[in-house]
Structures are given as C-alpha cells and as structure tokens.
Protein backbone atom coordinates (compact mmCIF):
# COMPACT_ATOMS: atom_id res chain seq x y z
CA MET A 1 -47.32 -58.58 171.36
CA LYS A 2 -44.74 -56.68 169.11
CA ARG A 3 -41.36 -57.91 171.29
CA VAL A 4 -41.46 -61.51 171.70
CA ALA A 5 -38.69 -64.16 173.03
CA ILE A 6 -39.30 -67.39 172.69
CA VAL A 7 -37.10 -69.63 174.68
CA GLY A 8 -36.43 -73.59 175.84
CA SER A 9 -34.53 -76.59 175.35
CA GLY A 10 -32.94 -77.40 172.44
CA GLY A 11 -36.03 -80.14 170.48
CA SER A 12 -39.20 -78.46 172.21
CA GLY A 13 -40.18 -76.87 168.86
CA LYS A 14 -39.55 -73.07 169.44
CA SER A 15 -38.15 -72.73 165.53
CA THR A 16 -41.55 -74.05 164.68
CA PHE A 17 -43.51 -72.09 166.69
CA ALA A 18 -41.60 -69.15 166.08
CA ARG A 19 -42.19 -68.96 162.05
CA ALA A 20 -46.01 -70.05 162.94
CA LEU A 21 -46.00 -67.26 165.18
CA GLY A 22 -44.38 -64.70 162.74
CA GLU A 23 -46.65 -65.55 159.97
CA LYS A 24 -49.50 -64.89 161.73
CA ALA A 25 -48.56 -62.05 163.94
CA GLY A 26 -46.99 -60.43 160.81
CA LEU A 27 -43.60 -60.30 163.20
CA ASP A 28 -40.39 -60.35 161.37
CA VAL A 29 -38.59 -64.15 163.17
CA PHE A 30 -35.11 -64.38 164.00
CA HIS A 31 -33.47 -67.47 164.70
CA LEU A 32 -30.28 -67.38 167.25
CA ASP A 33 -28.82 -70.24 165.78
CA ARG A 34 -28.84 -68.75 162.03
CA LEU A 35 -27.29 -65.51 163.12
CA PHE A 36 -24.80 -66.86 166.58
CA TRP A 37 -23.21 -69.77 164.23
CA LYS A 38 -20.78 -69.25 161.10
CA PRO A 39 -19.75 -72.02 158.56
CA GLY A 40 -18.35 -74.79 159.65
CA TRP A 41 -20.46 -74.63 163.16
CA VAL A 42 -17.79 -71.57 164.54
CA GLU A 43 -19.08 -69.77 167.13
CA THR A 44 -19.60 -65.45 167.33
CA PRO A 45 -17.14 -64.32 169.45
CA ARG A 46 -19.11 -62.67 172.32
CA ASP A 47 -18.80 -59.15 172.25
CA GLU A 48 -20.09 -59.54 169.02
CA TRP A 49 -22.47 -61.83 169.82
CA ARG A 50 -23.99 -59.06 172.45
CA ALA A 51 -24.06 -56.60 169.73
CA VAL A 52 -26.07 -58.38 167.47
CA GLN A 53 -28.58 -59.13 170.03
CA ARG A 54 -28.91 -55.26 171.10
CA ASP A 55 -29.57 -54.21 167.13
CA LEU A 56 -32.22 -57.29 167.32
CA VAL A 57 -34.12 -55.47 169.70
CA ALA A 58 -33.72 -52.38 169.25
CA ARG A 59 -36.28 -52.75 166.70
CA ASP A 60 -39.68 -51.94 166.76
CA SER A 61 -41.11 -55.45 166.79
CA TRP A 62 -39.24 -59.12 166.59
CA ILE A 63 -40.13 -62.64 167.45
CA ILE A 64 -37.21 -64.17 168.49
CA ASP A 65 -35.88 -67.84 169.83
CA GLY A 66 -33.68 -69.16 171.06
CA ASN A 67 -31.68 -69.73 174.42
CA TYR A 68 -28.13 -68.35 174.55
CA SER A 69 -27.58 -67.49 178.14
CA GLY A 70 -25.34 -65.02 178.03
CA THR A 71 -27.64 -63.21 175.89
CA LEU A 72 -30.88 -63.75 177.70
CA ASP A 73 -31.02 -60.30 179.88
CA ILE A 74 -31.07 -58.55 176.65
CA ARG A 75 -34.02 -60.04 175.15
CA LEU A 76 -35.86 -60.80 177.96
CA ARG A 77 -35.59 -56.70 179.17
CA ALA A 78 -36.73 -55.79 176.13
CA ALA A 79 -39.73 -58.48 175.65
CA ASP A 80 -43.36 -57.61 175.89
CA THR A 81 -43.99 -61.48 175.66
CA VAL A 82 -41.96 -64.41 176.41
CA PHE A 83 -42.61 -67.73 175.76
CA PHE A 84 -40.98 -70.70 177.93
CA PHE A 85 -41.16 -74.44 176.37
CA ASP A 86 -40.52 -76.05 179.04
CA PHE A 87 -40.97 -79.56 177.76
CA ALA A 88 -39.64 -83.67 179.07
CA ARG A 89 -36.26 -83.69 178.17
CA LEU A 90 -36.90 -87.36 176.35
CA VAL A 91 -39.54 -85.51 174.26
CA CYS A 92 -36.81 -82.73 173.07
CA LEU A 93 -34.12 -85.34 173.06
CA ARG A 94 -36.40 -87.29 170.99
CA ARG A 95 -36.81 -84.36 168.21
CA ALA A 96 -33.27 -83.29 168.32
CA VAL A 97 -32.33 -86.91 166.99
CA TRP A 98 -34.70 -87.07 164.50
CA ARG A 99 -33.80 -83.61 163.78
CA SER A 100 -29.92 -85.04 163.02
CA VAL A 101 -30.88 -87.87 161.09
CA ARG A 102 -33.78 -86.12 158.90
CA ASN A 103 -31.61 -82.78 157.77
CA HIS A 104 -28.37 -84.74 158.25
CA GLY A 105 -25.72 -83.14 156.28
CA LYS A 106 -28.45 -80.10 155.17
CA ALA A 107 -27.58 -77.09 156.85
CA ILE A 108 -30.97 -76.36 158.45
CA GLN A 109 -29.48 -74.36 161.31
CA ALA A 110 -27.78 -72.00 160.11
CA PRO A 111 -25.70 -71.20 156.50
CA GLY A 112 -22.61 -73.58 156.14
CA CYS A 113 -23.57 -75.67 159.24
CA PRO A 114 -24.94 -79.38 158.28
CA GLU A 115 -27.09 -80.86 160.69
CA ARG A 116 -25.23 -83.88 162.26
CA LEU A 117 -25.38 -86.45 164.86
CA ASP A 118 -24.31 -83.98 168.02
CA LEU A 119 -23.21 -85.72 171.27
CA ALA A 120 -22.79 -82.96 172.93
CA PHE A 121 -26.20 -81.06 172.29
CA TYR A 122 -27.41 -84.07 173.48
CA ARG A 123 -25.76 -84.14 176.33
CA TRP A 124 -27.00 -80.63 176.73
CA ILE A 125 -30.12 -81.47 176.13
CA TRP A 126 -30.40 -84.25 178.59
CA LYS A 127 -28.60 -81.68 181.38
CA TYR A 128 -31.43 -78.99 180.48
CA PRO A 129 -33.46 -79.68 182.97
CA LYS A 130 -30.82 -79.17 186.36
CA THR A 131 -28.42 -76.97 184.70
CA SER A 132 -29.56 -74.12 182.00
CA ARG A 133 -33.68 -74.39 183.02
CA PRO A 134 -33.20 -73.25 186.20
CA VAL A 135 -30.84 -70.32 185.02
CA VAL A 136 -33.87 -69.24 182.37
CA ILE A 137 -35.58 -69.33 184.78
CA GLU A 138 -33.72 -67.02 186.82
CA SER A 139 -33.32 -64.64 184.04
CA ILE A 140 -37.18 -64.22 183.64
CA ALA A 141 -37.47 -63.50 186.58
CA THR A 142 -35.16 -61.13 186.87
CA HIS A 143 -35.15 -59.49 183.82
CA ALA A 144 -38.62 -60.13 182.37
CA HIS A 145 -40.46 -57.47 184.52
CA ASN A 146 -42.44 -56.09 181.56
CA ALA A 147 -42.94 -58.80 179.63
CA ARG A 148 -46.17 -61.53 179.46
CA VAL A 149 -44.70 -64.56 180.33
CA LEU A 150 -46.71 -68.27 178.82
CA VAL A 151 -45.39 -71.19 179.56
CA ALA A 152 -46.01 -74.62 177.57
CA THR A 153 -45.28 -78.03 178.70
CA THR A 154 -46.06 -79.84 175.71
CA ARG A 155 -47.40 -79.53 171.95
CA ARG A 156 -50.80 -79.88 172.73
CA ASP A 157 -50.12 -76.41 174.97
CA ALA A 158 -47.79 -74.97 172.11
CA ALA A 159 -50.49 -75.16 169.37
CA SER A 160 -53.04 -73.89 172.33
CA LEU A 161 -50.62 -70.43 172.93
CA LEU A 162 -50.55 -70.37 168.70
CA GLU A 163 -54.03 -70.06 168.56
CA THR A 164 -54.58 -67.47 171.16
C-alpha cells in the first residue's frame, strides 16, 4: 500500500483517517481541501486543479483524501488502495456541523478559509447518498481496476481498517 485514495461524504472522517494512516504507514498525506481552496474560499480553476492532481499521483507514494469527482479518475487510476467511507448521512452531517461549530473562525480546511456554518455544504452532505455516492461508486468501478477497495460504513469499520 503506497498509493492510497480516500473518498466519501463530507464529515465521514476521511481527513482524520488519512492523518492516522499516514503516521502508521509512513506516507505523505495530501488533503485535497487544503490544495483546492485559495484564501477566501476561492476555487482553483479546473485545468490547474487537474494538473495539481496529476503532479500528486506522479509521486512514488501518497495518501490523498477528498472527493472532487471531476478529478476522481486521476486518483483512482493511480491508486493501489481505495478506502470508501460510506457512512450514514446523519452521522456525516452531525460531524460536519460539529466541526464547523467547534472550529468556527479557524482556518482548518485550508489557509485563509475560516470554518463557518455552510448550508450549501450541509445540503451536499444530505444529498450525497443520492447524488454523489452513485458517481463515486461508478468511478471506482470504472477507474480503480488495479486497486484494492476497502469500504467502511461505521467508525468501528474505519478503526478496524486502520488496525489491519
């Protein structure tokens, strides 16, 4: 396991898992939110974003956490391991809201991007099972042919995957 993609709904614990796995495996961890968002919550332009991802996956080893379905193909084709965090929407929504409240005003997702209550983000989490989840599943089936795919549906599953 040298090239790891971690995908799933916002609030599912991808970043926390990525950090723990990175420490355990001795791999560099890249959080896509930190790379995508510019100060003031400004998005990276699409062409530049694809180039950033191609540069990341060209490395010998990595852990990359985040969704960004427009570039999922790049990561999945290059990954040898994919962790799919398929948690219940209420769990993810509760975690995301709590993170926003707990870290309000702190730039924890990306430099210059303070945490805030973000209704559009919460709406995306709520709709994730019907809108984004099918895209992720299809992308894994289409692009992750050479990867071992591991699915966690609960925190206990994720902890177990980390231990093994």
